[in-house]
Amino acid sequence: MRKVIATIMLLLLSVAVASVAAPKWESVNASGRVAALTDYSSDMTDSIEVGVSDGCIYVSCARPVTVKVFTILGQLISQETLQAGTHRLRIASKGIYILKAADVTRRVTI
């Protein structure tokens, strides 16, 4: 019984911490930092660039795109539709994350 209560308390605490510390995307003017990975759509006119620097994920896109960031275990960290331009997501915890932007899927290590 104690194990069950301890497990429930741990789960509630982790959910509370995750909801409070949810990272937010911010628009930046830092196109020079986004050069690590580049993917092009089938018509080669729209590009999505993904880069990592200083504990942040940078995404640069030529058109609005929905971006999702997951932990390596599949927990959704952030989901947002980004407008054209360069955007930054600060990640507090080091680790491996999965980023999905339109039809681009990348492993990101912070």
PDB file of N, CA and C in Angstrom:
ATOM      1  N   MET A   1       0.818  -1.190   0.000  1.00  0.00           N
ATOM      2  CA  MET A   1       0.000   0.000   0.000  1.00  0.00           C
ATOM      3  C   MET A   1       0.867   1.260   0.000  1.00  0.00           C
ATOM      4  N   ARG A   2       1.966   1.228   0.735  1.00  0.00           N
ATOM      5  CA  ARG A   2       2.854   2.387   0.776  1.00  0.00           C
ATOM      6  C   ARG A   2       3.486   2.646  -0.585  1.00  0.00           C
ATOM      7  N   LYS A   3       3.815   1.579  -1.297  1.00  0.00           N
ATOM      8  CA  LYS A   3       4.394   1.739  -2.638  1.00  0.00           C
ATOM      9  C   LYS A   3       3.409   2.424  -3.576  1.00  0.00           C
ATOM     10  N   VAL A   4       2.149   2.042  -3.485  1.00  0.00           N
ATOM     11  CA  VAL A   4       1.126   2.628  -4.352  1.00  0.00           C
ATOM     12  C   VAL A   4       0.975   4.111  -4.049  1.00  0.00           C
ATOM     13  N   ILE A   5       0.905   4.467  -2.779  1.00  0.00           N
ATOM     14  CA  ILE A   5       0.764   5.870  -2.390  1.00  0.00           C
ATOM     15  C   ILE A   5       1.998   6.665  -2.815  1.00  0.00           C
ATOM     16  N   ALA A   6       3.179   6.089  -2.610  1.00  0.00           N
ATOM     17  CA  ALA A   6       4.412   6.770  -3.009  1.00  0.00           C
ATOM     18  C   ALA A   6       4.452   6.981  -4.522  1.00  0.00           C
ATOM     19  N   THR A   7       4.021   5.993  -5.275  1.00  0.00           N
ATOM     20  CA  THR A   7       3.998   6.096  -6.729  1.00  0.00           C
ATOM     21  C   THR A   7       3.015   7.178  -7.182  1.00  0.00           C
ATOM     22  N   ILE A   8       1.846   7.218  -6.578  1.00  0.00           N
ATOM     23  CA  ILE A   8       0.847   8.231  -6.936  1.00  0.00           C
ATOM     24  C   ILE A   8       1.360   9.627  -6.606  1.00  0.00           C
ATOM     25  N   MET A   9       1.977   9.780  -5.454  1.00  0.00           N
ATOM     26  CA  MET A   9       2.523  11.088  -5.066  1.00  0.00           C
ATOM     27  C   MET A   9       3.619  11.526  -6.029  1.00  0.00           C
ATOM     28  N   LEU A  10       4.478  10.602  -6.420  1.00  0.00           N
ATOM     29  CA  LEU A  10       5.548  10.918  -7.361  1.00  0.00           C
ATOM     30  C   LEU A  10       4.987  11.337  -8.716  1.00  0.00           C
ATOM     31  N   LEU A  11       3.972  10.636  -9.189  1.00  0.00           N
ATOM     32  CA  LEU A  11       3.347  10.998 -10.460  1.00  0.00           C
ATOM     33  C   LEU A  11       2.689  12.377 -10.390  1.00  0.00           C
ATOM     34  N   LEU A  12       1.988  12.655  -9.310  1.00  0.00           N
ATOM     35  CA  LEU A  12       1.352  13.967  -9.158  1.00  0.00           C
ATOM     36  C   LEU A  12       2.384  15.083  -9.100  1.00  0.00           C
ATOM     37  N   LEU A  13       3.475  14.841  -8.397  1.00  0.00           N
ATOM     38  CA  LEU A  13       4.536  15.838  -8.313  1.00  0.00           C
ATOM     39  C   LEU A  13       5.173  16.089  -9.673  1.00  0.00           C
ATOM     40  N   SER A  14       5.427  15.023 -10.429  1.00  0.00           N
ATOM     41  CA  SER A  14       6.054  15.200 -11.747  1.00  0.00           C
ATOM     42  C   SER A  14       5.128  15.922 -12.712  1.00  0.00           C
ATOM     43  N   VAL A  15       3.827  15.669 -12.644  1.00  0.00           N
ATOM     44  CA  VAL A  15       2.868  16.369 -13.502  1.00  0.00           C
ATOM     45  C   VAL A  15       2.802  17.841 -13.121  1.00  0.00           C
ATOM     46  N   ALA A  16       2.807  18.129 -11.827  1.00  0.00           N
ATOM     47  CA  ALA A  16       2.755  19.522 -11.377  1.00  0.00           C
ATOM     48  C   ALA A  16       3.992  20.290 -11.805  1.00  0.00           C
ATOM     49  N   VAL A  17       5.154  19.677 -11.677  1.00  0.00           N
ATOM     50  CA  VAL A  17       6.401  20.334 -12.078  1.00  0.00           C
ATOM     51  C   VAL A  17       6.437  20.535 -13.579  1.00  0.00           C
ATOM     52  N   ALA A  18       5.997  19.546 -14.342  1.00  0.00           N
ATOM     53  CA  ALA A  18       6.010  19.649 -15.800  1.00  0.00           C
ATOM     54  C   ALA A  18       5.066  20.738 -16.288  1.00  0.00           C
ATOM     55  N   SER A  19       3.913  20.883 -15.645  1.00  0.00           N
ATOM     56  CA  SER A  19       2.962  21.900 -16.102  1.00  0.00           C
ATOM     57  C   SER A  19       3.422  23.307 -15.747  1.00  0.00           C
ATOM     58  N   VAL A  20       4.115  23.472 -14.636  1.00  0.00           N
ATOM     59  CA  VAL A  20       4.597  24.784 -14.235  1.00  0.00           C
ATOM     60  C   VAL A  20       5.791  25.198 -15.084  1.00  0.00           C
ATOM     61  N   ALA A  21       6.672  24.259 -15.380  1.00  0.00           N
ATOM     62  CA  ALA A  21       7.915  24.568 -16.069  1.00  0.00           C
ATOM     63  C   ALA A  21       7.834  24.327 -17.572  1.00  0.00           C
ATOM     64  N   ALA A  22       6.650  24.371 -18.147  1.00  0.00           N
ATOM     65  CA  ALA A  22       6.513  24.141 -19.579  1.00  0.00           C
ATOM     66  C   ALA A  22       7.214  25.253 -20.353  1.00  0.00           C
ATOM     67  N   PRO A  23       8.138  24.894 -21.220  1.00  0.00           N
ATOM     68  CA  PRO A  23       8.870  25.915 -21.971  1.00  0.00           C
ATOM     69  C   PRO A  23       7.984  26.593 -23.013  1.00  0.00           C
ATOM     70  N   LYS A  24       8.308  27.838 -23.321  1.00  0.00           N
ATOM     71  CA  LYS A  24       7.558  28.629 -24.295  1.00  0.00           C
ATOM     72  C   LYS A  24       8.467  29.037 -25.446  1.00  0.00           C
ATOM     73  N   TRP A  25       7.915  29.033 -26.654  1.00  0.00           N
ATOM     74  CA  TRP A  25       8.641  29.481 -27.838  1.00  0.00           C
ATOM     75  C   TRP A  25       8.682  30.997 -27.836  1.00  0.00           C
ATOM     76  N   GLU A  26       9.802  31.563 -28.264  1.00  0.00           N
ATOM     77  CA  GLU A  26       9.908  33.005 -28.419  1.00  0.00           C
ATOM     78  C   GLU A  26      10.550  33.323 -29.762  1.00  0.00           C
ATOM     79  N   SER A  27      10.087  34.386 -30.369  1.00  0.00           N
ATOM     80  CA  SER A  27      10.622  34.805 -31.653  1.00  0.00           C
ATOM     81  C   SER A  27      11.952  35.516 -31.434  1.00  0.00           C
ATOM     82  N   VAL A  28      12.945  35.192 -32.257  1.00  0.00           N
ATOM     83  CA  VAL A  28      14.264  35.808 -32.135  1.00  0.00           C
ATOM     84  C   VAL A  28      14.776  36.203 -33.508  1.00  0.00           C
ATOM     85  N   ASN A  29      15.777  37.055 -33.517  1.00  0.00           N
ATOM     86  CA  ASN A  29      16.443  37.441 -34.744  1.00  0.00           C
ATOM     87  C   ASN A  29      17.837  36.834 -34.706  1.00  0.00           C
ATOM     88  N   ALA A  30      17.914  35.522 -34.960  1.00  0.00           N
ATOM     89  CA  ALA A  30      19.189  34.811 -34.842  1.00  0.00           C
ATOM     90  C   ALA A  30      19.326  33.763 -35.923  1.00  0.00           C
ATOM     91  N   SER A  31      19.132  34.154 -37.153  1.00  0.00           N
ATOM     92  CA  SER A  31      19.181  33.187 -38.244  1.00  0.00           C
ATOM     93  C   SER A  31      20.562  32.561 -38.404  1.00  0.00           C
ATOM     94  N   GLY A  32      21.618  33.214 -37.944  1.00  0.00           N
ATOM     95  CA  GLY A  32      22.963  32.667 -38.047  1.00  0.00           C
ATOM     96  C   GLY A  32      23.189  31.453 -37.173  1.00  0.00           C
ATOM     97  N   ARG A  33      22.405  31.303 -36.093  1.00  0.00           N
ATOM     98  CA  ARG A  33      22.559  30.179 -35.185  1.00  0.00           C
ATOM     99  C   ARG A  33      21.901  28.911 -35.710  1.00  0.00           C
ATOM    100  N   VAL A  34      21.011  29.037 -36.658  1.00  0.00           N
ATOM    101  CA  VAL A  34      20.239  27.891 -37.116  1.00  0.00           C
ATOM    102  C   VAL A  34      20.863  27.349 -38.392  1.00  0.00           C
ATOM    103  N   ALA A  35      21.867  26.522 -38.223  1.00  0.00           N
ATOM    104  CA  ALA A  35      22.530  25.972 -39.397  1.00  0.00           C
ATOM    105  C   ALA A  35      22.904  24.511 -39.208  1.00  0.00           C
ATOM    106  N   ALA A  36      22.511  23.918 -38.093  1.00  0.00           N
ATOM    107  CA  ALA A  36      22.935  22.555 -37.798  1.00  0.00           C
ATOM    108  C   ALA A  36      22.280  21.534 -38.733  1.00  0.00           C
ATOM    109  N   LEU A  37      20.982  21.603 -38.880  1.00  0.00           N
ATOM    110  CA  LEU A  37      20.256  20.636 -39.713  1.00  0.00           C
ATOM    111  C   LEU A  37      19.311  21.392 -40.630  1.00  0.00           C
ATOM    112  N   THR A  38      19.217  20.985 -41.873  1.00  0.00           N
ATOM    113  CA  THR A  38      18.303  21.624 -42.808  1.00  0.00           C
ATOM    114  C   THR A  38      17.541  20.554 -43.575  1.00  0.00           C
ATOM    115  N   ASP A  39      16.244  20.737 -43.697  1.00  0.00           N
ATOM    116  CA  ASP A  39      15.402  19.832 -44.473  1.00  0.00           C
ATOM    117  C   ASP A  39      14.572  20.657 -45.437  1.00  0.00           C
ATOM    118  N   TYR A  40      14.408  20.158 -46.628  1.00  0.00           N
ATOM    119  CA  TYR A  40      13.636  20.860 -47.640  1.00  0.00           C
ATOM    120  C   TYR A  40      12.406  20.054 -47.995  1.00  0.00           C
ATOM    121  N   SER A  41      11.311  20.764 -48.288  1.00  0.00           N
ATOM    122  CA  SER A  41      10.100  20.078 -48.705  1.00  0.00           C
ATOM    123  C   SER A  41      10.289  19.549 -50.125  1.00  0.00           C
ATOM    124  N   SER A  42       9.298  18.829 -50.615  1.00  0.00           N
ATOM    125  CA  SER A  42       9.437  18.174 -51.912  1.00  0.00           C
ATOM    126  C   SER A  42       9.602  19.161 -53.067  1.00  0.00           C
ATOM    127  N   ASP A  43       9.055  20.383 -52.935  1.00  0.00           N
ATOM    128  CA  ASP A  43       9.192  21.334 -54.037  1.00  0.00           C
ATOM    129  C   ASP A  43      10.448  22.207 -53.897  1.00  0.00           C
ATOM    130  N   MET A  44      11.239  21.995 -52.835  1.00  0.00           N
ATOM    131  CA  MET A  44      12.529  22.654 -52.621  1.00  0.00           C
ATOM    132  C   MET A  44      12.415  24.171 -52.474  1.00  0.00           C
ATOM    133  N   THR A  45      11.220  24.712 -52.191  1.00  0.00           N
ATOM    134  CA  THR A  45      11.103  26.155 -52.003  1.00  0.00           C
ATOM    135  C   THR A  45      10.941  26.534 -50.535  1.00  0.00           C
ATOM    136  N   ASP A  46      10.324  25.682 -49.741  1.00  0.00           N
ATOM    137  CA  ASP A  46      10.134  25.957 -48.312  1.00  0.00           C
ATOM    138  C   ASP A  46      11.144  25.147 -47.524  1.00  0.00           C
ATOM    139  N   SER A  47      11.810  25.783 -46.570  1.00  0.00           N
ATOM    140  CA  SER A  47      12.780  25.043 -45.765  1.00  0.00           C
ATOM    141  C   SER A  47      12.471  25.213 -44.288  1.00  0.00           C
ATOM    142  N   ILE A  48      12.861  24.209 -43.515  1.00  0.00           N
ATOM    143  CA  ILE A  48      12.786  24.244 -42.070  1.00  0.00           C
ATOM    144  C   ILE A  48      14.177  23.921 -41.569  1.00  0.00           C
ATOM    145  N   GLU A  49      14.762  24.846 -40.809  1.00  0.00           N
ATOM    146  CA  GLU A  49      16.089  24.633 -40.259  1.00  0.00           C
ATOM    147  C   GLU A  49      15.966  24.466 -38.754  1.00  0.00           C
ATOM    148  N   VAL A  50      16.692  23.491 -38.214  1.00  0.00           N
ATOM    149  CA  VAL A  50      16.672  23.202 -36.785  1.00  0.00           C
ATOM    150  C   VAL A  50      18.097  23.232 -36.282  1.00  0.00           C
ATOM    151  N   GLY A  51      18.332  23.950 -35.187  1.00  0.00           N
ATOM    152  CA  GLY A  51      19.661  24.013 -34.605  1.00  0.00           C
ATOM    153  C   GLY A  51      19.595  24.040 -33.091  1.00  0.00           C
ATOM    154  N   VAL A  52      20.718  23.718 -32.444  1.00  0.00           N
ATOM    155  CA  VAL A  52      20.803  23.715 -30.981  1.00  0.00           C
ATOM    156  C   VAL A  52      21.999  24.547 -30.570  1.00  0.00           C
ATOM    157  N   SER A  53      21.792  25.416 -29.569  1.00  0.00           N
ATOM    158  CA  SER A  53      22.886  26.223 -29.052  1.00  0.00           C
ATOM    159  C   SER A  53      22.534  26.699 -27.649  1.00  0.00           C
ATOM    160  N   ASP A  54      23.457  26.574 -26.725  1.00  0.00           N
ATOM    161  CA  ASP A  54      23.310  27.113 -25.363  1.00  0.00           C
ATOM    162  C   ASP A  54      22.028  26.661 -24.668  1.00  0.00           C
ATOM    163  N   GLY A  55      21.661  25.390 -24.790  1.00  0.00           N
ATOM    164  CA  GLY A  55      20.474  24.883 -24.109  1.00  0.00           C
ATOM    165  C   GLY A  55      19.160  25.303 -24.730  1.00  0.00           C
ATOM    166  N   CYS A  56      19.199  25.764 -25.971  1.00  0.00           N
ATOM    167  CA  CYS A  56      17.988  26.199 -26.671  1.00  0.00           C
ATOM    168  C   CYS A  56      17.873  25.463 -27.999  1.00  0.00           C
ATOM    169  N   ILE A  57      16.640  25.248 -28.412  1.00  0.00           N
ATOM    170  CA  ILE A  57      16.356  24.705 -29.743  1.00  0.00           C
ATOM    171  C   ILE A  57      15.907  25.881 -30.598  1.00  0.00           C
ATOM    172  N   TYR A  58      16.529  26.041 -31.750  1.00  0.00           N
ATOM    173  CA  TYR A  58      16.173  27.101 -32.691  1.00  0.00           C
ATOM    174  C   TYR A  58      15.511  26.473 -33.906  1.00  0.00           C
ATOM    175  N   VAL A  59      14.391  27.055 -34.337  1.00  0.00           N
ATOM    176  CA  VAL A  59      13.695  26.607 -35.542  1.00  0.00           C
ATOM    177  C   VAL A  59      13.479  27.826 -36.423  1.00  0.00           C
ATOM    178  N   SER A  60      13.909  27.710 -37.664  1.00  0.00           N
ATOM    179  CA  SER A  60      13.696  28.766 -38.640  1.00  0.00           C
ATOM    180  C   SER A  60      12.858  28.179 -39.771  1.00  0.00           C
ATOM    181  N   CYS A  61      11.771  28.860 -40.112  1.00  0.00           N
ATOM    182  CA  CYS A  61      10.882  28.340 -41.154  1.00  0.00           C
ATOM    183  C   CYS A  61      10.434  29.482 -42.058  1.00  0.00           C
ATOM    184  N   ALA A  62      10.156  29.136 -43.298  1.00  0.00           N
ATOM    185  CA  ALA A  62       9.756  30.118 -44.297  1.00  0.00           C
ATOM    186  C   ALA A  62       8.244  30.322 -44.331  1.00  0.00           C
ATOM    187  N   ARG A  63       7.501  29.442 -43.668  1.00  0.00           N
ATOM    188  CA  ARG A  63       6.042  29.543 -43.629  1.00  0.00           C
ATOM    189  C   ARG A  63       5.569  29.034 -42.268  1.00  0.00           C
ATOM    190  N   PRO A  64       4.330  29.309 -41.860  1.00  0.00           N
ATOM    191  CA  PRO A  64       3.835  28.805 -40.575  1.00  0.00           C
ATOM    192  C   PRO A  64       3.907  27.278 -40.514  1.00  0.00           C
ATOM    193  N   VAL A  65       4.342  26.767 -39.370  1.00  0.00           N
ATOM    194  CA  VAL A  65       4.516  25.325 -39.219  1.00  0.00           C
ATOM    195  C   VAL A  65       4.204  24.938 -37.769  1.00  0.00           C
ATOM    196  N   THR A  66       3.575  23.782 -37.587  1.00  0.00           N
ATOM    197  CA  THR A  66       3.307  23.263 -36.250  1.00  0.00           C
ATOM    198  C   THR A  66       4.509  22.464 -35.786  1.00  0.00           C
ATOM    199  N   VAL A  67       5.014  22.810 -34.612  1.00  0.00           N
ATOM    200  CA  VAL A  67       6.205  22.167 -34.056  1.00  0.00           C
ATOM    201  C   VAL A  67       5.827  21.487 -32.750  1.00  0.00           C
ATOM    202  N   LYS A  68       6.251  20.233 -32.612  1.00  0.00           N
ATOM    203  CA  LYS A  68       6.048  19.481 -31.375  1.00  0.00           C
ATOM    204  C   LYS A  68       7.402  19.009 -30.878  1.00  0.00           C
ATOM    205  N   VAL A  69       7.613  19.104 -29.568  1.00  0.00           N
ATOM    206  CA  VAL A  69       8.848  18.620 -28.951  1.00  0.00           C
ATOM    207  C   VAL A  69       8.458  17.584 -27.907  1.00  0.00           C
ATOM    208  N   PHE A  70       9.084  16.400 -27.998  1.00  0.00           N
ATOM    209  CA  PHE A  70       8.812  15.292 -27.096  1.00  0.00           C
ATOM    210  C   PHE A  70      10.080  14.907 -26.351  1.00  0.00           C
ATOM    211  N   THR A  71       9.920  14.340 -25.147  1.00  0.00           N
ATOM    212  CA  THR A  71      11.054  13.717 -24.484  1.00  0.00           C
ATOM    213  C   THR A  71      11.342  12.421 -25.212  1.00  0.00           C
ATOM    214  N   ILE A  72      12.462  11.809 -24.893  1.00  0.00           N
ATOM    215  CA  ILE A  72      12.812  10.539 -25.527  1.00  0.00           C
ATOM    216  C   ILE A  72      11.808   9.439 -25.152  1.00  0.00           C
ATOM    217  N   LEU A  73      11.070   9.649 -24.052  1.00  0.00           N
ATOM    218  CA  LEU A  73      10.060   8.681 -23.615  1.00  0.00           C
ATOM    219  C   LEU A  73       8.698   8.942 -24.243  1.00  0.00           C
ATOM    220  N   GLY A  74       8.592  10.007 -25.044  1.00  0.00           N
ATOM    221  CA  GLY A  74       7.354  10.284 -25.751  1.00  0.00           C
ATOM    222  C   GLY A  74       6.442  11.295 -25.086  1.00  0.00           C
ATOM    223  N   GLN A  75       6.853  11.897 -23.967  1.00  0.00           N
ATOM    224  CA  GLN A  75       6.030  12.902 -23.301  1.00  0.00           C
ATOM    225  C   GLN A  75       6.120  14.225 -24.059  1.00  0.00           C
ATOM    226  N   LEU A  76       4.962  14.804 -24.377  1.00  0.00           N
ATOM    227  CA  LEU A  76       4.916  16.070 -25.104  1.00  0.00           C
ATOM    228  C   LEU A  76       5.388  17.201 -24.197  1.00  0.00           C
ATOM    229  N   ILE A  77       6.427  17.917 -24.632  1.00  0.00           N
ATOM    230  CA  ILE A  77       6.983  19.044 -23.879  1.00  0.00           C
ATOM    231  C   ILE A  77       6.378  20.357 -24.364  1.00  0.00           C
ATOM    232  N   SER A  78       6.265  20.504 -25.685  1.00  0.00           N
ATOM    233  CA  SER A  78       5.769  21.746 -26.258  1.00  0.00           C
ATOM    234  C   SER A  78       5.104  21.462 -27.600  1.00  0.00           C
ATOM    235  N   GLN A  79       4.016  22.171 -27.855  1.00  0.00           N
ATOM    236  CA  GLN A  79       3.353  22.105 -29.151  1.00  0.00           C
ATOM    237  C   GLN A  79       2.852  23.500 -29.477  1.00  0.00           C
ATOM    238  N   GLU A  80       3.273  24.003 -30.619  1.00  0.00           N
ATOM    239  CA  GLU A  80       2.868  25.354 -31.009  1.00  0.00           C
ATOM    240  C   GLU A  80       2.994  25.511 -32.519  1.00  0.00           C
ATOM    241  N   THR A  81       2.139  26.351 -33.090  1.00  0.00           N
ATOM    242  CA  THR A  81       2.252  26.712 -34.503  1.00  0.00           C
ATOM    243  C   THR A  81       3.081  27.986 -34.580  1.00  0.00           C
ATOM    244  N   LEU A  82       4.229  27.879 -35.208  1.00  0.00           N
ATOM    245  CA  LEU A  82       5.152  29.008 -35.327  1.00  0.00           C
ATOM    246  C   LEU A  82       4.949  29.709 -36.659  1.00  0.00           C
ATOM    247  N   GLN A  83       4.993  31.016 -36.635  1.00  0.00           N
ATOM    248  CA  GLN A  83       4.904  31.804 -37.855  1.00  0.00           C
ATOM    249  C   GLN A  83       6.262  31.789 -38.561  1.00  0.00           C
ATOM    250  N   ALA A  84       6.315  32.296 -39.765  1.00  0.00           N
ATOM    251  CA  ALA A  84       7.573  32.353 -40.505  1.00  0.00           C
ATOM    252  C   ALA A  84       8.584  33.183 -39.726  1.00  0.00           C
ATOM    253  N   GLY A  85       9.823  32.712 -39.715  1.00  0.00           N
ATOM    254  CA  GLY A  85      10.881  33.419 -38.989  1.00  0.00           C
ATOM    255  C   GLY A  85      11.685  32.448 -38.142  1.00  0.00           C
ATOM    256  N   THR A  86      12.453  32.995 -37.219  1.00  0.00           N
ATOM    257  CA  THR A  86      13.294  32.189 -36.344  1.00  0.00           C
ATOM    258  C   THR A  86      12.737  32.247 -34.933  1.00  0.00           C
ATOM    259  N   HIS A  87      12.654  31.074 -34.294  1.00  0.00           N
ATOM    260  CA  HIS A  87      12.068  30.956 -32.966  1.00  0.00           C
ATOM    261  C   HIS A  87      12.989  30.127 -32.081  1.00  0.00           C
ATOM    262  N   ARG A  88      12.930  30.415 -30.757  1.00  0.00           N
ATOM    263  CA  ARG A  88      13.796  29.733 -29.796  1.00  0.00           C
ATOM    264  C   ARG A  88      12.949  29.119 -28.683  1.00  0.00           C
ATOM    265  N   LEU A  89      13.324  27.904 -28.273  1.00  0.00           N
ATOM    266  CA  LEU A  89      12.695  27.224 -27.147  1.00  0.00           C
ATOM    267  C   LEU A  89      13.783  26.884 -26.148  1.00  0.00           C
ATOM    268  N   ARG A  90      13.715  27.488 -24.955  1.00  0.00           N
ATOM    269  CA  ARG A  90      14.699  27.193 -23.911  1.00  0.00           C
ATOM    270  C   ARG A  90      14.298  25.900 -23.218  1.00  0.00           C
ATOM    271  N   ILE A  91      15.234  24.962 -23.134  1.00  0.00           N
ATOM    272  CA  ILE A  91      15.007  23.686 -22.459  1.00  0.00           C
ATOM    273  C   ILE A  91      15.846  23.676 -21.188  1.00  0.00           C
ATOM    274  N   ALA A  92      15.193  23.480 -20.043  1.00  0.00           N
ATOM    275  CA  ALA A  92      15.889  23.544 -18.764  1.00  0.00           C
ATOM    276  C   ALA A  92      16.714  22.288 -18.490  1.00  0.00           C
ATOM    277  N   SER A  93      16.255  21.146 -18.948  1.00  0.00           N
ATOM    278  CA  SER A  93      16.925  19.877 -18.637  1.00  0.00           C
ATOM    279  C   SER A  93      17.719  19.374 -19.830  1.00  0.00           C
ATOM    280  N   LYS A  94      18.955  18.981 -19.568  1.00  0.00           N
ATOM    281  CA  LYS A  94      19.752  18.363 -20.623  1.00  0.00           C
ATOM    282  C   LYS A  94      19.184  16.990 -20.926  1.00  0.00           C
ATOM    283  N   GLY A  95      19.319  16.576 -22.182  1.00  0.00           N
ATOM    284  CA  GLY A  95      18.822  15.272 -22.563  1.00  0.00           C
ATOM    285  C   GLY A  95      18.624  15.169 -24.060  1.00  0.00           C
ATOM    286  N   ILE A  96      17.926  14.124 -24.450  1.00  0.00           N
ATOM    287  CA  ILE A  96      17.616  13.867 -25.858  1.00  0.00           C
ATOM    288  C   ILE A  96      16.128  14.107 -26.058  1.00  0.00           C
ATOM    289  N   TYR A  97      15.803  14.882 -27.079  1.00  0.00           N
ATOM    290  CA  TYR A  97      14.418  15.228 -27.385  1.00  0.00           C
ATOM    291  C   TYR A  97      14.128  14.898 -28.845  1.00  0.00           C
ATOM    292  N   ILE A  98      12.859  14.733 -29.153  1.00  0.00           N
ATOM    293  CA  ILE A  98      12.407  14.498 -30.528  1.00  0.00           C
ATOM    294  C   ILE A  98      11.613  15.727 -30.955  1.00  0.00           C
ATOM    295  N   LEU A  99      11.994  16.328 -32.079  1.00  0.00           N
ATOM    296  CA  LEU A  99      11.315  17.495 -32.614  1.00  0.00           C
ATOM    297  C   LEU A  99      10.625  17.115 -33.910  1.00  0.00           C
ATOM    298  N   LYS A 100       9.335  17.429 -34.008  1.00  0.00           N
ATOM    299  CA  LYS A 100       8.577  17.211 -35.240  1.00  0.00           C
ATOM    300  C   LYS A 100       8.068  18.559 -35.717  1.00  0.00           C
ATOM    301  N   ALA A 101       8.448  18.926 -36.923  1.00  0.00           N
ATOM    302  CA  ALA A 101       8.006  20.173 -37.544  1.00  0.00           C
ATOM    303  C   ALA A 101       7.542  19.835 -38.944  1.00  0.00           C
ATOM    304  N   ALA A 102       6.236  19.956 -39.177  1.00  0.00           N
ATOM    305  CA  ALA A 102       5.625  19.547 -40.442  1.00  0.00           C
ATOM    306  C   ALA A 102       5.984  18.092 -40.704  1.00  0.00           C
ATOM    307  N   ASP A 103       6.685  17.783 -41.802  1.00  0.00           N
ATOM    308  CA  ASP A 103       7.060  16.397 -42.093  1.00  0.00           C
ATOM    309  C   ASP A 103       8.510  16.103 -41.713  1.00  0.00           C
ATOM    310  N   VAL A 104       9.142  16.991 -40.952  1.00  0.00           N
ATOM    311  CA  VAL A 104      10.521  16.824 -40.513  1.00  0.00           C
ATOM    312  C   VAL A 104      10.530  16.283 -39.084  1.00  0.00           C
ATOM    313  N   THR A 105      11.273  15.221 -38.843  1.00  0.00           N
ATOM    314  CA  THR A 105      11.433  14.664 -37.506  1.00  0.00           C
ATOM    315  C   THR A 105      12.930  14.562 -37.223  1.00  0.00           C
ATOM    316  N   ARG A 106      13.356  15.139 -36.085  1.00  0.00           N
ATOM    317  CA  ARG A 106      14.777  15.153 -35.750  1.00  0.00           C
ATOM    318  C   ARG A 106      14.990  14.833 -34.281  1.00  0.00           C
ATOM    319  N   ARG A 107      16.087  14.148 -33.995  1.00  0.00           N
ATOM    320  CA  ARG A 107      16.542  13.932 -32.628  1.00  0.00           C
ATOM    321  C   ARG A 107      17.417  15.137 -32.267  1.00  0.00           C
ATOM    322  N   VAL A 108      17.141  15.734 -31.107  1.00  0.00           N
ATOM    323  CA  VAL A 108      17.875  16.913 -30.671  1.00  0.00           C
ATOM    324  C   VAL A 108      18.508  16.595 -29.317  1.00  0.00           C
ATOM    325  N   THR A 109      19.803  16.831 -29.194  1.00  0.00           N
ATOM    326  CA  THR A 109      20.516  16.591 -27.946  1.00  0.00           C
ATOM    327  C   THR A 109      20.902  17.920 -27.330  1.00  0.00           C
ATOM    328  N   ILE A 110      20.530  18.107 -26.082  1.00  0.00           N
ATOM    329  CA  ILE A 110      20.860  19.343 -25.374  1.00  0.00           C
ATOM    330  C   ILE A 110      21.800  18.994 -24.234  1.00  0.00           C
TER     331      ILE A 110
END
